[in-house]
Amino acid sequence: MTTAPPAGSSPAAPPRASTPLFAPSPTSSARPEAPPLPPVRRT
C-alpha cells in the first residue's frame, strides 16, 4: 500500500504531461475562435 502513493505519483506524472498538451489545446481553441471573429467583423 505504501507503494500505492508513489505509484499514484507516477501516474500523476503522465497526466501532468497531458497538461502541457492541454496548453497547446487552449491555443488551438483560440484558433477556432479566430475564424468566428473574422465573420463577426464582416457583420
C-alpha atoms as a PDB file:
ATOM      1  CA  MET A   1       0.000   0.000   0.000  1.00  0.00           C
ATOM      2  CA  THR A   2       2.954   2.265   0.676  1.00  0.00           C
ATOM      3  CA  THR A   3       3.878   1.747  -2.956  1.00  0.00           C
ATOM      4  CA  ALA A   4       0.382   2.894  -3.927  1.00  0.00           C
ATOM      5  CA  PRO A   5       1.050   6.581  -3.096  1.00  0.00           C
ATOM      6  CA  PRO A   6       4.368   6.570  -5.028  1.00  0.00           C
ATOM      7  CA  ALA A   7       2.648   4.669  -7.827  1.00  0.00           C
ATOM      8  CA  GLY A   8      -0.037   7.355  -7.847  1.00  0.00           C
ATOM      9  CA  SER A   9       2.730   9.917  -8.279  1.00  0.00           C
ATOM     10  CA  SER A  10       3.985   8.084 -11.362  1.00  0.00           C
ATOM     11  CA  PRO A  11       0.520   8.113 -12.982  1.00  0.00           C
ATOM     12  CA  ALA A  12       0.245  11.745 -11.913  1.00  0.00           C
ATOM     13  CA  ALA A  13       3.359  12.460 -13.973  1.00  0.00           C
ATOM     14  CA  PRO A  14       1.687  11.250 -17.206  1.00  0.00           C
ATOM     15  CA  PRO A  15      -1.406  13.412 -16.518  1.00  0.00           C
ATOM     16  CA  ARG A  16       0.956  16.322 -15.962  1.00  0.00           C
ATOM     17  CA  ALA A  17       2.449  15.636 -19.375  1.00  0.00           C
ATOM     18  CA  SER A  18      -1.102  15.803 -20.702  1.00  0.00           C
ATOM     19  CA  THR A  19      -1.430  19.234 -19.109  1.00  0.00           C
ATOM     20  CA  PRO A  20       1.310  20.583 -21.416  1.00  0.00           C
ATOM     21  CA  LEU A  21      -0.651  19.041 -24.257  1.00  0.00           C
ATOM     22  CA  PHE A  22      -3.712  20.854 -22.980  1.00  0.00           C
ATOM     23  CA  ALA A  23      -1.758  24.104 -23.041  1.00  0.00           C
ATOM     24  CA  PRO A  24      -1.472  23.809 -26.844  1.00  0.00           C
ATOM     25  CA  SER A  25      -5.124  22.729 -26.843  1.00  0.00           C
ATOM     26  CA  PRO A  26      -6.298  26.120 -25.497  1.00  0.00           C
ATOM     27  CA  THR A  27      -4.140  27.682 -28.187  1.00  0.00           C
ATOM     28  CA  SER A  28      -5.902  25.523 -30.760  1.00  0.00           C
ATOM     29  CA  SER A  29      -9.219  26.645 -29.294  1.00  0.00           C
ATOM     30  CA  ALA A  30      -8.105  30.237 -29.763  1.00  0.00           C
ATOM     31  CA  ARG A  31      -7.506  29.442 -33.430  1.00  0.00           C
ATOM     32  CA  PRO A  32     -11.088  28.164 -33.870  1.00  0.00           C
ATOM     33  CA  GLU A  33     -12.254  31.331 -32.142  1.00  0.00           C
ATOM     34  CA  ALA A  34     -10.221  33.427 -34.571  1.00  0.00           C
ATOM     35  CA  PRO A  35     -12.290  32.227 -37.576  1.00  0.00           C
ATOM     36  CA  PRO A  36     -15.571  33.177 -35.847  1.00  0.00           C
ATOM     37  CA  LEU A  37     -14.119  36.618 -35.090  1.00  0.00           C
ATOM     38  CA  PRO A  38     -13.497  37.424 -38.794  1.00  0.00           C
ATOM     39  CA  PRO A  39     -17.144  36.581 -39.645  1.00  0.00           C
ATOM     40  CA  VAL A  40     -18.256  38.848 -36.787  1.00  0.00           C
ATOM     41  CA  ARG A  41     -16.087  41.637 -38.161  1.00  0.00           C
ATOM     42  CA  ARG A  42     -17.689  41.140 -41.569  1.00  0.00           C
ATOM     43  CA  THR A  43     -21.058  41.586 -39.943  1.00  0.00           C
END
